[in-house]
PDB file of N, CA and C in Angstrom:
ATOM      1  N   UNK A   1       0.822  -1.282   0.035  1.00  0.00           N
ATOM      2  CA  UNK A   1      -0.186   0.039   0.159  1.00  0.00           C
ATOM      3  C   UNK A   1       0.398   1.172   0.499  1.00  0.00           C
ATOM      4  N   UNK A   2       1.909   1.216   0.784  1.00  0.00           N
ATOM      5  CA  UNK A   2       3.154   2.436   0.680  1.00  0.00           C
ATOM      6  C   UNK A   2       3.499   2.544  -0.625  1.00  0.00           C
ATOM      7  N   UNK A   3       3.900   1.788  -1.237  1.00  0.00           N
ATOM      8  CA  UNK A   3       4.389   1.523  -2.657  1.00  0.00           C
ATOM      9  C   UNK A   3       3.299   2.461  -3.549  1.00  0.00           C
ATOM     10  N   UNK A   4       2.165   2.029  -3.305  1.00  0.00           N
ATOM     11  CA  UNK A   4       1.158   2.950  -4.398  1.00  0.00           C
ATOM     12  C   UNK A   4       0.996   4.033  -3.946  1.00  0.00           C
ATOM     13  N   UNK A   5       0.905   4.285  -2.862  1.00  0.00           N
ATOM     14  CA  UNK A   5       1.089   6.056  -2.288  1.00  0.00           C
ATOM     15  C   UNK A   5       2.517   6.666  -3.093  1.00  0.00           C
ATOM     16  N   UNK A   6       3.466   6.303  -2.745  1.00  0.00           N
ATOM     17  CA  UNK A   6       4.625   6.610  -3.612  1.00  0.00           C
ATOM     18  C   UNK A   6       4.784   6.807  -4.715  1.00  0.00           C
ATOM     19  N   UNK A   7       3.783   5.484  -5.543  1.00  0.00           N
ATOM     20  CA  UNK A   7       4.086   6.119  -6.830  1.00  0.00           C
ATOM     21  C   UNK A   7       2.930   6.983  -7.195  1.00  0.00           C
ATOM     22  N   UNK A   8       1.867   7.357  -6.306  1.00  0.00           N
ATOM     23  CA  UNK A   8       0.712   8.328  -7.065  1.00  0.00           C
ATOM     24  C   UNK A   8       1.731  10.009  -6.446  1.00  0.00           C
ATOM     25  N   UNK A   9       2.565   9.861  -5.511  1.00  0.00           N
ATOM     26  CA  UNK A   9       2.951  11.315  -5.261  1.00  0.00           C
ATOM     27  C   UNK A   9       4.159  11.396  -6.637  1.00  0.00           C
ATOM     28  N   UNK A  10       4.811  10.227  -6.830  1.00  0.00           N
ATOM     29  CA  UNK A  10       5.745  10.943  -7.727  1.00  0.00           C
ATOM     30  C   UNK A  10       4.574  11.039  -8.954  1.00  0.00           C
ATOM     31  N   UNK A  11       4.032  10.316  -9.446  1.00  0.00           N
ATOM     32  CA  UNK A  11       3.121  10.689 -10.792  1.00  0.00           C
ATOM     33  C   UNK A  11       2.798  12.038 -10.605  1.00  0.00           C
ATOM     34  N   UNK A  12       1.915  12.289  -9.196  1.00  0.00           N
ATOM     35  CA  UNK A  12       1.511  14.146  -9.571  1.00  0.00           C
ATOM     36  C   UNK A  12       2.660  14.814  -9.357  1.00  0.00           C
ATOM     37  N   UNK A  13       3.749  14.695  -8.663  1.00  0.00           N
ATOM     38  CA  UNK A  13       4.495  15.296  -9.244  1.00  0.00           C
ATOM     39  C   UNK A  13       5.340  15.326 -10.265  1.00  0.00           C
ATOM     40  N   UNK A  14       5.159  14.264 -11.523  1.00  0.00           N
ATOM     41  CA  UNK A  14       5.599  14.298 -12.497  1.00  0.00           C
ATOM     42  C   UNK A  14       4.404  15.242 -13.351  1.00  0.00           C
ATOM     43  N   UNK A  15       3.577  14.838 -13.178  1.00  0.00           N
ATOM     44  CA  UNK A  15       1.955  15.941 -13.951  1.00  0.00           C
ATOM     45  C   UNK A  15       2.289  17.082 -13.730  1.00  0.00           C
ATOM     46  N   UNK A  16       2.704  17.382 -12.672  1.00  0.00           N
ATOM     47  CA  UNK A  16       3.132  19.115 -12.157  1.00  0.00           C
ATOM     48  C   UNK A  16       4.083  19.358 -12.848  1.00  0.00           C
ATOM     49  N   UNK A  17       5.125  19.075 -12.980  1.00  0.00           N
ATOM     50  CA  UNK A  17       6.070  19.128 -13.511  1.00  0.00           C
ATOM     51  C   UNK A  17       6.011  19.546 -15.124  1.00  0.00           C
ATOM     52  N   UNK A  18       5.853  18.869 -15.785  1.00  0.00           N
ATOM     53  CA  UNK A  18       5.212  18.538 -16.695  1.00  0.00           C
ATOM     54  C   UNK A  18       4.126  19.937 -17.291  1.00  0.00           C
ATOM     55  N   UNK A  19       3.014  20.153 -16.284  1.00  0.00           N
ATOM     56  CA  UNK A  19       2.547  21.115 -16.619  1.00  0.00           C
ATOM     57  C   UNK A  19       3.016  22.289 -16.589  1.00  0.00           C
ATOM     58  N   UNK A  20       3.834  22.464 -15.486  1.00  0.00           N
ATOM     59  CA  UNK A  20       4.657  23.913 -15.264  1.00  0.00           C
ATOM     60  C   UNK A  20       5.684  24.485 -16.604  1.00  0.00           C
ATOM     61  N   UNK A  21       6.120  23.193 -17.362  1.00  0.00           N
ATOM     62  CA  UNK A  21       6.877  23.264 -18.662  1.00  0.00           C
ATOM     63  C   UNK A  21       5.956  23.922 -19.444  1.00  0.00           C
ATOM     64  N   UNK A  22       4.718  23.214 -19.911  1.00  0.00           N
ATOM     65  CA  UNK A  22       3.572  23.390 -20.871  1.00  0.00           C
ATOM     66  C   UNK A  22       3.462  25.158 -20.673  1.00  0.00           C
ATOM     67  N   UNK A  23       2.959  25.075 -19.388  1.00  0.00           N
ATOM     68  CA  UNK A  23       2.857  26.911 -19.425  1.00  0.00           C
ATOM     69  C   UNK A  23       3.793  27.780 -19.463  1.00  0.00           C
ATOM     70  N   UNK A  24       5.266  27.505 -19.068  1.00  0.00           N
ATOM     71  CA  UNK A  24       6.325  28.259 -19.443  1.00  0.00           C
ATOM     72  C   UNK A  24       6.643  28.250 -21.099  1.00  0.00           C
ATOM     73  N   UNK A  25       6.433  26.833 -21.704  1.00  0.00           N
ATOM     74  CA  UNK A  25       6.422  27.436 -23.214  1.00  0.00           C
ATOM     75  C   UNK A  25       5.182  27.768 -23.905  1.00  0.00           C
ATOM     76  N   UNK A  26       4.105  27.735 -22.940  1.00  0.00           N
ATOM     77  CA  UNK A  26       2.663  28.472 -23.755  1.00  0.00           C
ATOM     78  C   UNK A  26       3.273  30.016 -24.005  1.00  0.00           C
ATOM     79  N   UNK A  27       4.108  30.170 -22.723  1.00  0.00           N
ATOM     80  CA  UNK A  27       4.016  31.941 -21.979  1.00  0.00           C
ATOM     81  C   UNK A  27       5.127  32.079 -23.417  1.00  0.00           C
ATOM     82  N   UNK A  28       6.032  31.241 -23.514  1.00  0.00           N
ATOM     83  CA  UNK A  28       7.679  31.556 -24.381  1.00  0.00           C
ATOM     84  C   UNK A  28       6.737  31.936 -25.954  1.00  0.00           C
ATOM     85  N   UNK A  29       6.261  31.042 -26.838  1.00  0.00           N
ATOM     86  CA  UNK A  29       5.406  30.897 -27.724  1.00  0.00           C
ATOM     87  C   UNK A  29       4.657  32.553 -27.805  1.00  0.00           C
ATOM     88  N   UNK A  30       3.741  32.570 -26.865  1.00  0.00           N
ATOM     89  CA  UNK A  30       2.855  33.875 -26.701  1.00  0.00           C
ATOM     90  C   UNK A  30       3.869  35.441 -27.148  1.00  0.00           C
ATOM     91  N   UNK A  31       5.118  35.118 -26.384  1.00  0.00           N
ATOM     92  CA  UNK A  31       6.030  36.243 -26.682  1.00  0.00           C
ATOM     93  C   UNK A  31       6.860  36.233 -27.739  1.00  0.00           C
ATOM     94  N   UNK A  32       7.223  35.238 -28.368  1.00  0.00           N
ATOM     95  CA  UNK A  32       7.451  35.033 -30.098  1.00  0.00           C
ATOM     96  C   UNK A  32       6.021  35.395 -30.623  1.00  0.00           C
ATOM     97  N   UNK A  33       4.779  35.363 -30.672  1.00  0.00           N
ATOM     98  CA  UNK A  33       3.968  35.564 -31.462  1.00  0.00           C
ATOM     99  C   UNK A  33       3.894  37.425 -31.523  1.00  0.00           C
ATOM    100  N   UNK A  34       4.012  37.586 -30.050  1.00  0.00           N
ATOM    101  CA  UNK A  34       3.752  38.885 -29.819  1.00  0.00           C
ATOM    102  C   UNK A  34       4.892  40.057 -30.864  1.00  0.00           C
ATOM    103  N   UNK A  35       6.093  39.383 -30.953  1.00  0.00           N
ATOM    104  CA  UNK A  35       7.352  39.943 -31.502  1.00  0.00           C
ATOM    105  C   UNK A  35       7.173  39.984 -32.697  1.00  0.00           C
ATOM    106  N   UNK A  36       6.901  38.656 -33.278  1.00  0.00           N
ATOM    107  CA  UNK A  36       6.604  38.651 -34.956  1.00  0.00           C
ATOM    108  C   UNK A  36       5.370  39.568 -35.309  1.00  0.00           C
ATOM    109  N   UNK A  37       4.342  39.427 -34.561  1.00  0.00           N
ATOM    110  CA  UNK A  37       3.275  40.533 -34.854  1.00  0.00           C
ATOM    111  C   UNK A  37       3.625  42.197 -34.882  1.00  0.00           C
ATOM    112  N   UNK A  38       4.978  42.328 -34.039  1.00  0.00           N
ATOM    113  CA  UNK A  38       5.032  43.641 -33.997  1.00  0.00           C
ATOM    114  C   UNK A  38       6.188  43.819 -35.225  1.00  0.00           C
ATOM    115  N   UNK A  39       7.037  43.066 -35.470  1.00  0.00           N
ATOM    116  CA  UNK A  39       7.560  43.195 -36.510  1.00  0.00           C
ATOM    117  C   UNK A  39       6.491  43.444 -38.056  1.00  0.00           C
ATOM    118  N   UNK A  40       5.550  42.396 -38.290  1.00  0.00           N
ATOM    119  CA  UNK A  40       4.881  42.079 -39.111  1.00  0.00           C
ATOM    120  C   UNK A  40       4.502  43.524 -39.287  1.00  0.00           C
ATOM    121  N   UNK A  41       3.561  44.290 -38.114  1.00  0.00           N
ATOM    122  CA  UNK A  41       3.101  45.243 -38.542  1.00  0.00           C
ATOM    123  C   UNK A  41       3.967  46.993 -39.188  1.00  0.00           C
ATOM    124  N   UNK A  42       5.307  46.363 -38.166  1.00  0.00           N
ATOM    125  CA  UNK A  42       6.692  47.813 -38.873  1.00  0.00           C
ATOM    126  C   UNK A  42       6.553  47.373 -40.425  1.00  0.00           C
ATOM    127  N   UNK A  43       6.574  46.039 -41.000  1.00  0.00           N
ATOM    128  CA  UNK A  43       7.129  46.199 -42.525  1.00  0.00           C
ATOM    129  C   UNK A  43       6.015  46.660 -43.024  1.00  0.00           C
ATOM    130  N   UNK A  44       4.945  46.218 -42.549  1.00  0.00           N
ATOM    131  CA  UNK A  44       3.559  46.926 -43.493  1.00  0.00           C
ATOM    132  C   UNK A  44       3.450  48.114 -43.564  1.00  0.00           C
ATOM    133  N   UNK A  45       3.885  49.074 -42.327  1.00  0.00           N
ATOM    134  CA  UNK A  45       3.995  50.725 -42.270  1.00  0.00           C
ATOM    135  C   UNK A  45       5.410  51.239 -43.416  1.00  0.00           C
ATOM    136  N   UNK A  46       6.424  50.573 -43.309  1.00  0.00           N
ATOM    137  CA  UNK A  46       7.331  51.150 -43.874  1.00  0.00           C
ATOM    138  C   UNK A  46       8.424  50.000 -44.508  1.00  0.00           C
ATOM    139  N   UNK A  47       9.250  50.382 -45.280  1.00  0.00           N
ATOM    140  CA  UNK A  47      10.325  49.198 -45.881  1.00  0.00           C
ATOM    141  C   UNK A  47      11.300  48.930 -44.769  1.00  0.00           C
ATOM    142  N   UNK A  48      11.662  47.747 -44.813  1.00  0.00           N
ATOM    143  CA  UNK A  48      12.554  47.117 -43.891  1.00  0.00           C
ATOM    144  C   UNK A  48      13.729  46.617 -44.910  1.00  0.00           C
ATOM    145  N   UNK A  49      15.034  46.950 -44.438  1.00  0.00           N
ATOM    146  CA  UNK A  49      16.177  46.556 -45.132  1.00  0.00           C
ATOM    147  C   UNK A  49      16.861  45.192 -44.346  1.00  0.00           C
ATOM    148  N   UNK A  50      17.135  43.980 -44.559  1.00  0.00           N
ATOM    149  CA  UNK A  50      18.313  43.430 -43.762  1.00  0.00           C
ATOM    150  C   UNK A  50      19.758  43.223 -44.412  1.00  0.00           C
ATOM    151  N   UNK A  51      20.746  43.554 -44.148  1.00  0.00           N
ATOM    152  CA  UNK A  51      21.763  43.091 -44.225  1.00  0.00           C
ATOM    153  C   UNK A  51      22.712  42.088 -43.435  1.00  0.00           C
ATOM    154  N   UNK A  52      22.994  40.907 -44.178  1.00  0.00           N
ATOM    155  CA  UNK A  52      23.148  39.831 -43.687  1.00  0.00           C
ATOM    156  C   UNK A  52      24.695  39.645 -44.552  1.00  0.00           C
ATOM    157  N   UNK A  53      25.858  39.027 -43.718  1.00  0.00           N
ATOM    158  CA  UNK A  53      26.983  38.508 -44.260  1.00  0.00           C
ATOM    159  C   UNK A  53      26.924  37.147 -44.052  1.00  0.00           C
ATOM    160  N   UNK A  54      27.327  36.330 -45.007  1.00  0.00           N
ATOM    161  CA  UNK A  54      27.574  34.818 -45.085  1.00  0.00           C
ATOM    162  C   UNK A  54      28.991  34.361 -43.939  1.00  0.00           C
ATOM    163  N   UNK A  55      28.804  33.496 -42.941  1.00  0.00           N
ATOM    164  CA  UNK A  55      29.586  33.352 -42.184  1.00  0.00           C
ATOM    165  C   UNK A  55      30.919  32.776 -42.785  1.00  0.00           C
ATOM    166  N   UNK A  56      30.214  31.902 -43.840  1.00  0.00           N
ATOM    167  CA  UNK A  56      31.529  30.985 -44.426  1.00  0.00           C
ATOM    168  C   UNK A  56      32.399  31.887 -45.382  1.00  0.00           C
ATOM    169  N   UNK A  57      31.585  32.590 -46.060  1.00  0.00           N
ATOM    170  CA  UNK A  57      32.366  32.957 -47.752  1.00  0.00           C
ATOM    171  C   UNK A  57      32.324  34.802 -47.419  1.00  0.00           C
ATOM    172  N   UNK A  58      31.770  35.131 -46.308  1.00  0.00           N
ATOM    173  CA  UNK A  58      32.121  36.628 -46.398  1.00  0.00           C
ATOM    174  C   UNK A  58      31.008  37.472 -47.399  1.00  0.00           C
ATOM    175  N   UNK A  59      30.231  36.859 -48.072  1.00  0.00           N
ATOM    176  CA  UNK A  59      29.555  37.044 -48.994  1.00  0.00           C
ATOM    177  C   UNK A  59      28.300  38.219 -48.647  1.00  0.00           C
ATOM    178  N   UNK A  60      28.090  39.362 -48.747  1.00  0.00           N
ATOM    179  CA  UNK A  60      26.901  40.512 -48.169  1.00  0.00           C
ATOM    180  C   UNK A  60      25.719  39.911 -49.091  1.00  0.00           C
ATOM    181  N   UNK A  61      24.483  40.236 -48.323  1.00  0.00           N
ATOM    182  CA  UNK A  61      23.396  39.996 -48.918  1.00  0.00           C
ATOM    183  C   UNK A  61      22.421  40.773 -48.174  1.00  0.00           C
ATOM    184  N   UNK A  62      21.831  41.714 -49.305  1.00  0.00           N
ATOM    185  CA  UNK A  62      20.701  42.813 -48.425  1.00  0.00           C
ATOM    186  C   UNK A  62      19.436  42.393 -49.387  1.00  0.00           C
ATOM    187  N   UNK A  63      18.232  42.019 -48.258  1.00  0.00           N
ATOM    188  CA  UNK A  63      17.278  41.770 -48.305  1.00  0.00           C
ATOM    189  C   UNK A  63      16.130  43.099 -48.395  1.00  0.00           C
ATOM    190  N   UNK A  64      15.734  43.370 -48.985  1.00  0.00           N
ATOM    191  CA  UNK A  64      14.537  44.453 -48.884  1.00  0.00           C
ATOM    192  C   UNK A  64      13.031  44.199 -48.853  1.00  0.00           C
ATOM    193  N   UNK A  65      12.543  44.589 -47.794  1.00  0.00           N
ATOM    194  CA  UNK A  65      10.970  43.998 -47.640  1.00  0.00           C
ATOM    195  C   UNK A  65      10.226  45.540 -47.418  1.00  0.00           C
ATOM    196  N   UNK A  66       9.314  45.370 -48.640  1.00  0.00           N
ATOM    197  CA  UNK A  66       8.147  46.909 -48.987  1.00  0.00           C
ATOM    198  C   UNK A  66       6.896  46.203 -48.388  1.00  0.00           C
ATOM    199  N   UNK A  67       6.294  46.700 -47.343  1.00  0.00           N
ATOM    200  CA  UNK A  67       5.016  46.701 -47.070  1.00  0.00           C
ATOM    201  C   UNK A  67       3.690  47.057 -48.272  1.00  0.00           C
ATOM    202  N   UNK A  68       2.545  47.413 -47.766  1.00  0.00           N
ATOM    203  CA  UNK A  68       1.582  47.094 -48.878  1.00  0.00           C
ATOM    204  C   UNK A  68       1.173  49.102 -48.881  1.00  0.00           C
ATOM    205  N   UNK A  69       1.365  49.065 -47.898  1.00  0.00           N
ATOM    206  CA  UNK A  69       0.936  50.920 -47.819  1.00  0.00           C
ATOM    207  C   UNK A  69       2.725  51.585 -48.483  1.00  0.00           C
ATOM    208  N   UNK A  70       2.136  52.587 -48.824  1.00  0.00           N
ATOM    209  CA  UNK A  70       3.098  53.470 -49.578  1.00  0.00           C
ATOM    210  C   UNK A  70       4.014  54.183 -48.166  1.00  0.00           C
ATOM    211  N   UNK A  71       5.428  54.637 -48.750  1.00  0.00           N
ATOM    212  CA  UNK A  71       5.902  55.040 -47.425  1.00  0.00           C
ATOM    213  C   UNK A  71       5.746  56.477 -47.485  1.00  0.00           C
ATOM    214  N   UNK A  72       5.788  57.009 -46.585  1.00  0.00           N
ATOM    215  CA  UNK A  72       5.831  58.314 -46.281  1.00  0.00           C
ATOM    216  C   UNK A  72       6.588  59.103 -46.507  1.00  0.00           C
ATOM    217  N   UNK A  73       6.517  60.723 -47.122  1.00  0.00           N
ATOM    218  CA  UNK A  73       7.705  61.408 -47.498  1.00  0.00           C
ATOM    219  C   UNK A  73       7.972  62.346 -46.237  1.00  0.00           C
TER     220      UNK A  73
END
């Protein structure tokens, strides 16, 4: 009987730990969603240019993204 109680306690602790980790993952995904949404809104309002350098060959790449609204003057 004591062994069953110990197993139940261990199982409930494991379930609680998994639940906490899922909650943390959910919060992180919400934060990522907020950041991506903010970047998307910014891109839609004005042009965005990314300058990237390849770490292997040092080739420079420029990526320009223009939103659907006209840039203001």
